[in-house]
C-alpha cells in the first residue's frame, strides 16, 4: 500500500521541489521512527500524504483538508479505521498551526521531519526567495534567516531531530551570515 501511495503522490508532484520535499520528509520520518520506536508504517504513510493539498495548490488549512483527504484515500485502500485516525492526526498536526498539537510520537516524528526537510533542501527555499518571490538580496537573506530560525526553533520539533541536521543548520547560518 505504501508503494501505491508513493506512486500517487509522485505522479502529483509536477514541480521537482515538491518531490524533493516529500522524499526528504519520508527519509527523515523513517530515520526518526526507527530511532524513537514509533510505528514506521504510520510515519511513512503520513509522510507521503502530509502535503497532498499543498501539492494540489491548496495552501489555506492544507493540514486540515489534507487530513480529511488522506482519510478518504486510506478508506478506499481498506486501511484499518484505527490506523487511519493515527495518520490523520499526524497530517492534521504537522504544520505550525497551534490549534493542532501533535500528541502521538508518530505525529511528532512527522512534524519534525517536515521541519528537517528544509535543511536538506536549502537551494529550493533560496530559489523560492529569489526567483518566485523576486526578493532583493537583502530581503531574500532576511526571509531565509526568518524561515530557518523558525524551523530550528519550532516548538514541536524533537530534540533527536535537531541532532540530524545540526551540521546543515550551522552551514546555512554561515552562508546567511547569522
Foldseek 3Di string as FASTA:
>chain_A
DLVVLLVVLVVLQPDVVVVLLLVQLLVQLQVQCVVVVHDNVLLNLLSSQLQVVVSVPDDVQSLQVSLVVSLVVVVVVVHDPVSSVSSSLLSNQLDLPPVRHRDDSSSLSSNQSSLLSCLVVVVVLLCCLCPVVVHDPVSSLVVSVVSNVCSLVRPSHDPVSCVVRVVSSVVSCVVSVD
